[in-house]
């Protein structure tokens, strides 16, 4: 078995990675509400190079890179521009793919859109709820982070830093009624004009974090060999 040495975010160290014959790689993709930037290019170039190297060594790599096409950032942007959120996503994805091609970054093996996996997302939320990992608050469903003792270990951030990042990265730590400030929404009621789905857990739309969890499991199963993305996603998204 081939061994590589890769940086491990959880430990902050360069660690050996025993590469399996078939490698499942999940890289968090873009939210297509605006033009891609240099940070996106650096991230996707890095994982494209890693994928190419693994394939050069004879490994079969399945690289999944998602598209967050329903999110708390794309919806207000679409409203601001006076366009439908799906049209905005389509236009930005066309530009993004052109830019990636210009940089010779290959397309991923799979490129799932969150809106195409609502059933998978709902199934995962139902599974978590049945296992006691969620609770309801005024029509929203939250993940109870206390039920996941490892939450926070990936980043290694202290509570103050966690709360700060959580707030500026789409969280609502100050919402009254939550069990923990860091509990995150997995399903929420849709506001007027927002996309909404009728499901067995209610009518509404998914939260950001659960989207990637469901899409990664749909293509790679419960265990990912390599999980990557921008450093701004370390907390809370990758936790």
C-alpha atoms as a PDB file:
ATOM      1  CA  UNK A   1       0.000   0.000   0.000  1.00  0.00           C
ATOM      2  CA  UNK A   2       1.312   3.423  -0.980  1.00  0.00           C
ATOM      3  CA  UNK A   3       1.823   5.944   1.816  1.00  0.00           C
ATOM      4  CA  UNK A   4       1.679   9.719   1.399  1.00  0.00           C
ATOM      5  CA  UNK A   5       2.347  12.444   3.936  1.00  0.00           C
ATOM      6  CA  UNK A   6      -0.444  14.995   4.156  1.00  0.00           C
ATOM      7  CA  UNK A   7      -1.344  17.824   6.498  1.00  0.00           C
ATOM      8  CA  UNK A   8      -4.029  16.784   8.985  1.00  0.00           C
ATOM      9  CA  UNK A   9      -6.176  19.697  10.186  1.00  0.00           C
ATOM     10  CA  UNK A  10      -7.287  17.892  13.349  1.00  0.00           C
ATOM     11  CA  UNK A  11      -3.732  17.483  14.672  1.00  0.00           C
ATOM     12  CA  UNK A  12      -2.016  20.328  12.835  1.00  0.00           C
ATOM     13  CA  UNK A  13       0.679  17.844  11.801  1.00  0.00           C
ATOM     14  CA  UNK A  14       2.008  16.219   8.645  1.00  0.00           C
ATOM     15  CA  UNK A  15       0.860  12.618   8.965  1.00  0.00           C
ATOM     16  CA  UNK A  16       1.205   9.475   6.873  1.00  0.00           C
ATOM     17  CA  UNK A  17      -1.851   8.554   4.820  1.00  0.00           C
ATOM     18  CA  UNK A  18      -2.059   4.917   3.826  1.00  0.00           C
ATOM     19  CA  UNK A  19      -3.714   5.230   0.442  1.00  0.00           C
ATOM     20  CA  UNK A  20      -6.394   2.610  -0.302  1.00  0.00           C
ATOM     21  CA  UNK A  21      -6.798   1.207  -3.806  1.00  0.00           C
ATOM     22  CA  UNK A  22     -10.005   3.167  -4.254  1.00  0.00           C
ATOM     23  CA  UNK A  23      -9.949   6.687  -2.828  1.00  0.00           C
ATOM     24  CA  UNK A  24     -13.058   8.668  -1.967  1.00  0.00           C
ATOM     25  CA  UNK A  25     -12.384  12.415  -1.924  1.00  0.00           C
ATOM     26  CA  UNK A  26     -14.968  15.047  -0.998  1.00  0.00           C
ATOM     27  CA  UNK A  27     -14.120  18.689  -1.656  1.00  0.00           C
ATOM     28  CA  UNK A  28     -16.573  21.380  -0.627  1.00  0.00           C
ATOM     29  CA  UNK A  29     -17.488  23.379  -3.703  1.00  0.00           C
ATOM     30  CA  UNK A  30     -18.888  26.824  -4.264  1.00  0.00           C
ATOM     31  CA  UNK A  31     -22.102  28.602  -3.423  1.00  0.00           C
ATOM     32  CA  UNK A  32     -22.792  30.113  -6.858  1.00  0.00           C
ATOM     33  CA  UNK A  33     -24.015  33.562  -5.855  1.00  0.00           C
ATOM     34  CA  UNK A  34     -21.076  35.610  -7.176  1.00  0.00           C
ATOM     35  CA  UNK A  35     -17.880  35.305  -9.196  1.00  0.00           C
ATOM     36  CA  UNK A  36     -15.250  32.793  -8.122  1.00  0.00           C
ATOM     37  CA  UNK A  37     -12.060  34.241  -6.658  1.00  0.00           C
ATOM     38  CA  UNK A  38      -8.406  33.340  -6.156  1.00  0.00           C
ATOM     39  CA  UNK A  39      -9.201  31.447  -2.959  1.00  0.00           C
ATOM     40  CA  UNK A  40     -11.478  29.113  -4.872  1.00  0.00           C
ATOM     41  CA  UNK A  41      -8.811  28.598  -7.521  1.00  0.00           C
ATOM     42  CA  UNK A  42      -6.130  27.755  -4.946  1.00  0.00           C
ATOM     43  CA  UNK A  43      -8.389  25.273  -3.177  1.00  0.00           C
ATOM     44  CA  UNK A  44      -9.521  23.425  -6.276  1.00  0.00           C
ATOM     45  CA  UNK A  45      -6.072  23.464  -7.858  1.00  0.00           C
ATOM     46  CA  UNK A  46      -4.636  21.893  -4.702  1.00  0.00           C
ATOM     47  CA  UNK A  47      -7.087  19.001  -4.733  1.00  0.00           C
ATOM     48  CA  UNK A  48      -6.828  18.572  -8.484  1.00  0.00           C
ATOM     49  CA  UNK A  49      -3.072  18.112  -8.096  1.00  0.00           C
ATOM     50  CA  UNK A  50      -3.590  15.632  -5.261  1.00  0.00           C
ATOM     51  CA  UNK A  51      -6.091  13.708  -7.342  1.00  0.00           C
ATOM     52  CA  UNK A  52      -3.736  13.614 -10.336  1.00  0.00           C
ATOM     53  CA  UNK A  53      -0.876  12.364  -8.163  1.00  0.00           C
ATOM     54  CA  UNK A  54      -3.009   9.613  -6.673  1.00  0.00           C
ATOM     55  CA  UNK A  55      -4.104   8.535 -10.138  1.00  0.00           C
ATOM     56  CA  UNK A  56      -0.490   8.601 -11.344  1.00  0.00           C
ATOM     57  CA  UNK A  57       0.265   6.149  -8.542  1.00  0.00           C
ATOM     58  CA  UNK A  58      -2.426   3.825  -9.864  1.00  0.00           C
ATOM     59  CA  UNK A  59      -5.318   4.647  -7.547  1.00  0.00           C
ATOM     60  CA  UNK A  60      -8.950   4.911  -8.578  1.00  0.00           C
ATOM     61  CA  UNK A  61     -10.123   8.295  -7.265  1.00  0.00           C
ATOM     62  CA  UNK A  62     -13.745   9.329  -6.961  1.00  0.00           C
ATOM     63  CA  UNK A  63     -13.710  13.077  -6.395  1.00  0.00           C
ATOM     64  CA  UNK A  64     -17.000  14.646  -5.342  1.00  0.00           C
ATOM     65  CA  UNK A  65     -17.296  18.439  -5.377  1.00  0.00           C
ATOM     66  CA  UNK A  66     -20.706  19.763  -4.418  1.00  0.00           C
ATOM     67  CA  UNK A  67     -22.609  22.881  -5.417  1.00  0.00           C
ATOM     68  CA  UNK A  68     -24.541  24.674  -2.665  1.00  0.00           C
ATOM     69  CA  UNK A  69     -27.320  26.060  -4.830  1.00  0.00           C
ATOM     70  CA  UNK A  70     -29.746  26.805  -1.985  1.00  0.00           C
ATOM     71  CA  UNK A  71     -28.268  28.731   0.908  1.00  0.00           C
ATOM     72  CA  UNK A  72     -28.597  31.812   3.112  1.00  0.00           C
ATOM     73  CA  UNK A  73     -26.140  33.694   0.889  1.00  0.00           C
ATOM     74  CA  UNK A  74     -27.470  32.884  -2.572  1.00  0.00           C
ATOM     75  CA  UNK A  75     -31.102  33.726  -1.773  1.00  0.00           C
ATOM     76  CA  UNK A  76     -30.596  37.380  -0.709  1.00  0.00           C
ATOM     77  CA  UNK A  77     -28.133  37.876  -3.571  1.00  0.00           C
ATOM     78  CA  UNK A  78     -30.731  36.699  -6.072  1.00  0.00           C
ATOM     79  CA  UNK A  79     -33.295  39.008  -4.501  1.00  0.00           C
ATOM     80  CA  UNK A  80     -30.857  41.921  -4.678  1.00  0.00           C
ATOM     81  CA  UNK A  81     -30.273  41.297  -8.397  1.00  0.00           C
ATOM     82  CA  UNK A  82     -33.945  40.696  -9.096  1.00  0.00           C
ATOM     83  CA  UNK A  83     -33.412  37.217 -10.542  1.00  0.00           C
ATOM     84  CA  UNK A  84     -34.541  33.714  -9.627  1.00  0.00           C
ATOM     85  CA  UNK A  85     -32.035  31.943  -7.376  1.00  0.00           C
ATOM     86  CA  UNK A  86     -31.826  28.992  -9.787  1.00  0.00           C
ATOM     87  CA  UNK A  87     -31.004  31.291 -12.708  1.00  0.00           C
ATOM     88  CA  UNK A  88     -28.294  32.987 -10.650  1.00  0.00           C
ATOM     89  CA  UNK A  89     -26.803  29.598  -9.775  1.00  0.00           C
ATOM     90  CA  UNK A  90     -26.869  28.498 -13.419  1.00  0.00           C
ATOM     91  CA  UNK A  91     -25.121  31.651 -14.635  1.00  0.00           C
ATOM     92  CA  UNK A  92     -22.442  31.572 -11.946  1.00  0.00           C
ATOM     93  CA  UNK A  93     -21.782  27.861 -12.466  1.00  0.00           C
ATOM     94  CA  UNK A  94     -21.272  28.448 -16.178  1.00  0.00           C
ATOM     95  CA  UNK A  95     -18.679  31.135 -15.384  1.00  0.00           C
ATOM     96  CA  UNK A  96     -17.078  28.968 -12.720  1.00  0.00           C
ATOM     97  CA  UNK A  97     -16.654  25.995 -15.058  1.00  0.00           C
ATOM     98  CA  UNK A  98     -15.133  28.222 -17.723  1.00  0.00           C
ATOM     99  CA  UNK A  99     -12.637  29.543 -15.171  1.00  0.00           C
ATOM    100  CA  UNK A 100     -11.712  26.074 -13.947  1.00  0.00           C
ATOM    101  CA  UNK A 101     -11.187  24.898 -17.516  1.00  0.00           C
ATOM    102  CA  UNK A 102      -8.950  27.897 -18.205  1.00  0.00           C
ATOM    103  CA  UNK A 103      -6.823  26.865 -15.210  1.00  0.00           C
ATOM    104  CA  UNK A 104      -6.687  23.250 -16.476  1.00  0.00           C
ATOM    105  CA  UNK A 105      -8.487  22.058 -13.346  1.00  0.00           C
ATOM    106  CA  UNK A 106     -10.378  18.922 -14.259  1.00  0.00           C
ATOM    107  CA  UNK A 107     -14.081  18.503 -13.491  1.00  0.00           C
ATOM    108  CA  UNK A 108     -14.851  16.320 -10.471  1.00  0.00           C
ATOM    109  CA  UNK A 109     -16.065  12.756 -10.854  1.00  0.00           C
ATOM    110  CA  UNK A 110     -19.396  13.857  -9.410  1.00  0.00           C
ATOM    111  CA  UNK A 111     -20.812  17.365  -8.994  1.00  0.00           C
ATOM    112  CA  UNK A 112     -24.050  17.128  -6.982  1.00  0.00           C
ATOM    113  CA  UNK A 113     -26.322  20.128  -6.484  1.00  0.00           C
ATOM    114  CA  UNK A 114     -28.003  20.434  -3.095  1.00  0.00           C
ATOM    115  CA  UNK A 115     -31.422  20.959  -4.678  1.00  0.00           C
ATOM    116  CA  UNK A 116     -31.066  17.607  -6.449  1.00  0.00           C
ATOM    117  CA  UNK A 117     -30.584  15.784  -3.137  1.00  0.00           C
ATOM    118  CA  UNK A 118     -33.453  17.013  -0.984  1.00  0.00           C
ATOM    119  CA  UNK A 119     -34.656  13.433  -0.439  1.00  0.00           C
ATOM    120  CA  UNK A 120     -31.191  12.364   0.772  1.00  0.00           C
ATOM    121  CA  UNK A 121     -31.034  15.383   3.070  1.00  0.00           C
ATOM    122  CA  UNK A 122     -34.480  14.698   4.516  1.00  0.00           C
ATOM    123  CA  UNK A 123     -33.642  11.010   5.039  1.00  0.00           C
ATOM    124  CA  UNK A 124     -30.494  11.947   6.956  1.00  0.00           C
ATOM    125  CA  UNK A 125     -32.336  14.474   9.122  1.00  0.00           C
ATOM    126  CA  UNK A 126     -35.027  11.880   9.878  1.00  0.00           C
ATOM    127  CA  UNK A 127     -32.343   9.352  10.815  1.00  0.00           C
ATOM    128  CA  UNK A 128     -30.643  11.863  13.137  1.00  0.00           C
ATOM    129  CA  UNK A 129     -33.959  12.853  14.684  1.00  0.00           C
ATOM    130  CA  UNK A 130     -34.951   9.239  15.315  1.00  0.00           C
ATOM    131  CA  UNK A 131     -31.590   8.734  17.050  1.00  0.00           C
ATOM    132  CA  UNK A 132     -32.158  11.754  19.310  1.00  0.00           C
ATOM    133  CA  UNK A 133     -29.601  14.111  17.765  1.00  0.00           C
ATOM    134  CA  UNK A 134     -32.002  16.921  16.872  1.00  0.00           C
ATOM    135  CA  UNK A 135     -34.729  19.057  18.413  1.00  0.00           C
ATOM    136  CA  UNK A 136     -37.375  21.415  17.099  1.00  0.00           C
ATOM    137  CA  UNK A 137     -37.597  25.128  17.769  1.00  0.00           C
ATOM    138  CA  UNK A 138     -40.404  27.224  16.298  1.00  0.00           C
ATOM    139  CA  UNK A 139     -40.609  25.171  13.125  1.00  0.00           C
ATOM    140  CA  UNK A 140     -36.852  24.747  12.664  1.00  0.00           C
ATOM    141  CA  UNK A 141     -34.928  21.549  13.346  1.00  0.00           C
ATOM    142  CA  UNK A 142     -31.549  21.943  15.055  1.00  0.00           C
ATOM    143  CA  UNK A 143     -28.656  19.536  15.516  1.00  0.00           C
ATOM    144  CA  UNK A 144     -27.793  19.202  19.216  1.00  0.00           C
ATOM    145  CA  UNK A 145     -23.984  19.476  19.260  1.00  0.00           C
ATOM    146  CA  UNK A 146     -23.766  18.206  22.848  1.00  0.00           C
ATOM    147  CA  UNK A 147     -24.844  14.822  21.483  1.00  0.00           C
ATOM    148  CA  UNK A 148     -21.663  14.779  19.345  1.00  0.00           C
ATOM    149  CA  UNK A 149     -18.716  14.877  21.798  1.00  0.00           C
ATOM    150  CA  UNK A 150     -16.181  15.226  18.977  1.00  0.00           C
ATOM    151  CA  UNK A 151     -17.720  18.502  17.764  1.00  0.00           C
ATOM    152  CA  UNK A 152     -14.986  21.136  17.910  1.00  0.00           C
ATOM    153  CA  UNK A 153     -12.055  18.725  17.920  1.00  0.00           C
ATOM    154  CA  UNK A 154     -11.243  19.158  14.232  1.00  0.00           C
ATOM    155  CA  UNK A 155     -10.575  22.886  14.510  1.00  0.00           C
ATOM    156  CA  UNK A 156      -9.240  22.853  18.056  1.00  0.00           C
ATOM    157  CA  UNK A 157     -10.682  26.336  18.552  1.00  0.00           C
ATOM    158  CA  UNK A 158     -11.688  27.587  21.990  1.00  0.00           C
ATOM    159  CA  UNK A 159     -15.326  28.343  22.779  1.00  0.00           C
ATOM    160  CA  UNK A 160     -14.985  32.097  22.226  1.00  0.00           C
ATOM    161  CA  UNK A 161     -13.418  31.608  18.797  1.00  0.00           C
ATOM    162  CA  UNK A 162     -15.948  28.924  17.883  1.00  0.00           C
ATOM    163  CA  UNK A 163     -18.830  31.227  18.719  1.00  0.00           C
ATOM    164  CA  UNK A 164     -17.308  34.096  16.765  1.00  0.00           C
ATOM    165  CA  UNK A 165     -16.755  32.014  13.641  1.00  0.00           C
ATOM    166  CA  UNK A 166     -20.184  30.431  14.006  1.00  0.00           C
ATOM    167  CA  UNK A 167     -21.844  33.842  13.980  1.00  0.00           C
ATOM    168  CA  UNK A 168     -20.028  35.217  10.932  1.00  0.00           C
ATOM    169  CA  UNK A 169     -20.350  31.952   8.995  1.00  0.00           C
ATOM    170  CA  UNK A 170     -24.098  31.599   8.918  1.00  0.00           C
ATOM    171  CA  UNK A 171     -24.863  30.593  12.503  1.00  0.00           C
ATOM    172  CA  UNK A 172     -27.334  32.059  14.986  1.00  0.00           C
ATOM    173  CA  UNK A 173     -25.683  31.686  18.424  1.00  0.00           C
ATOM    174  CA  UNK A 174     -27.964  34.254  20.072  1.00  0.00           C
ATOM    175  CA  UNK A 175     -31.298  32.723  19.105  1.00  0.00           C
ATOM    176  CA  UNK A 176     -33.461  32.359  22.191  1.00  0.00           C
ATOM    177  CA  UNK A 177     -34.595  28.807  22.900  1.00  0.00           C
ATOM    178  CA  UNK A 178     -31.566  26.969  21.549  1.00  0.00           C
ATOM    179  CA  UNK A 179     -30.012  24.418  23.870  1.00  0.00           C
ATOM    180  CA  UNK A 180     -26.489  25.448  22.913  1.00  0.00           C
ATOM    181  CA  UNK A 181     -25.321  28.584  21.050  1.00  0.00           C
ATOM    182  CA  UNK A 182     -23.468  26.360  18.547  1.00  0.00           C
ATOM    183  CA  UNK A 183     -26.428  24.163  17.650  1.00  0.00           C
ATOM    184  CA  UNK A 184     -26.979  24.538  13.914  1.00  0.00           C
ATOM    185  CA  UNK A 185     -30.127  24.375  11.832  1.00  0.00           C
ATOM    186  CA  UNK A 186     -30.629  21.367   9.569  1.00  0.00           C
ATOM    187  CA  UNK A 187     -34.145  22.240   8.389  1.00  0.00           C
ATOM    188  CA  UNK A 188     -36.002  25.534   8.507  1.00  0.00           C
ATOM    189  CA  UNK A 189     -39.240  27.148   7.355  1.00  0.00           C
ATOM    190  CA  UNK A 190     -38.897  29.062   4.102  1.00  0.00           C
ATOM    191  CA  UNK A 191     -39.616  32.774   4.056  1.00  0.00           C
ATOM    192  CA  UNK A 192     -41.908  34.253   1.407  1.00  0.00           C
ATOM    193  CA  UNK A 193     -40.316  33.927  -2.003  1.00  0.00           C
ATOM    194  CA  UNK A 194     -37.734  31.357  -0.880  1.00  0.00           C
ATOM    195  CA  UNK A 195     -37.563  27.815  -2.287  1.00  0.00           C
ATOM    196  CA  UNK A 196     -39.522  25.294  -0.279  1.00  0.00           C
ATOM    197  CA  UNK A 197     -40.110  21.544  -0.338  1.00  0.00           C
ATOM    198  CA  UNK A 198     -42.964  19.489   1.099  1.00  0.00           C
ATOM    199  CA  UNK A 199     -41.340  16.585   2.943  1.00  0.00           C
ATOM    200  CA  UNK A 200     -42.067  14.096   5.699  1.00  0.00           C
ATOM    201  CA  UNK A 201     -40.254  16.360   8.175  1.00  0.00           C
ATOM    202  CA  UNK A 202     -42.281  19.384   7.170  1.00  0.00           C
ATOM    203  CA  UNK A 203     -42.306  22.094   4.557  1.00  0.00           C
ATOM    204  CA  UNK A 204     -39.158  24.205   4.267  1.00  0.00           C
ATOM    205  CA  UNK A 205     -35.573  24.073   3.101  1.00  0.00           C
ATOM    206  CA  UNK A 206     -32.320  22.545   4.371  1.00  0.00           C
ATOM    207  CA  UNK A 207     -29.539  24.163   6.350  1.00  0.00           C
ATOM    208  CA  UNK A 208     -26.087  24.478   4.825  1.00  0.00           C
ATOM    209  CA  UNK A 209     -24.116  21.926   6.857  1.00  0.00           C
ATOM    210  CA  UNK A 210     -26.508  19.008   6.469  1.00  0.00           C
ATOM    211  CA  UNK A 211     -26.450  19.424   2.682  1.00  0.00           C
ATOM    212  CA  UNK A 212     -22.797  18.407   2.399  1.00  0.00           C
ATOM    213  CA  UNK A 213     -23.225  15.577   4.894  1.00  0.00           C
ATOM    214  CA  UNK A 214     -26.031  14.063   2.847  1.00  0.00           C
ATOM    215  CA  UNK A 215     -24.345  14.543  -0.525  1.00  0.00           C
ATOM    216  CA  UNK A 216     -21.040  13.072   0.624  1.00  0.00           C
ATOM    217  CA  UNK A 217     -22.800  10.018   2.047  1.00  0.00           C
ATOM    218  CA  UNK A 218     -24.837   9.595  -1.134  1.00  0.00           C
ATOM    219  CA  UNK A 219     -21.694   9.194  -3.233  1.00  0.00           C
ATOM    220  CA  UNK A 220     -18.978   8.018  -0.831  1.00  0.00           C
ATOM    221  CA  UNK A 221     -20.778   6.321   2.041  1.00  0.00           C
ATOM    222  CA  UNK A 222     -20.286   7.000   5.742  1.00  0.00           C
ATOM    223  CA  UNK A 223     -16.485   7.253   5.544  1.00  0.00           C
ATOM    224  CA  UNK A 224     -14.480   9.696   3.425  1.00  0.00           C
ATOM    225  CA  UNK A 225     -10.809   8.978   2.770  1.00  0.00           C
ATOM    226  CA  UNK A 226      -9.939  12.619   2.058  1.00  0.00           C
ATOM    227  CA  UNK A 227     -12.080  15.629   2.954  1.00  0.00           C
ATOM    228  CA  UNK A 228     -11.020  19.100   1.901  1.00  0.00           C
ATOM    229  CA  UNK A 229     -12.029  22.659   1.227  1.00  0.00           C
ATOM    230  CA  UNK A 230     -11.098  26.229   2.042  1.00  0.00           C
ATOM    231  CA  UNK A 231      -9.707  27.090   5.475  1.00  0.00           C
ATOM    232  CA  UNK A 232     -12.796  29.209   6.131  1.00  0.00           C
ATOM    233  CA  UNK A 233     -14.815  25.976   6.215  1.00  0.00           C
ATOM    234  CA  UNK A 234     -12.865  24.314   9.023  1.00  0.00           C
ATOM    235  CA  UNK A 235     -15.330  25.619  11.603  1.00  0.00           C
ATOM    236  CA  UNK A 236     -18.175  25.037  11.803  1.00  0.00           C
ATOM    237  CA  UNK A 237     -18.825  23.456   8.396  1.00  0.00           C
ATOM    238  CA  UNK A 238     -16.274  20.644   8.464  1.00  0.00           C
ATOM    239  CA  UNK A 239     -16.904  19.779  12.094  1.00  0.00           C
END
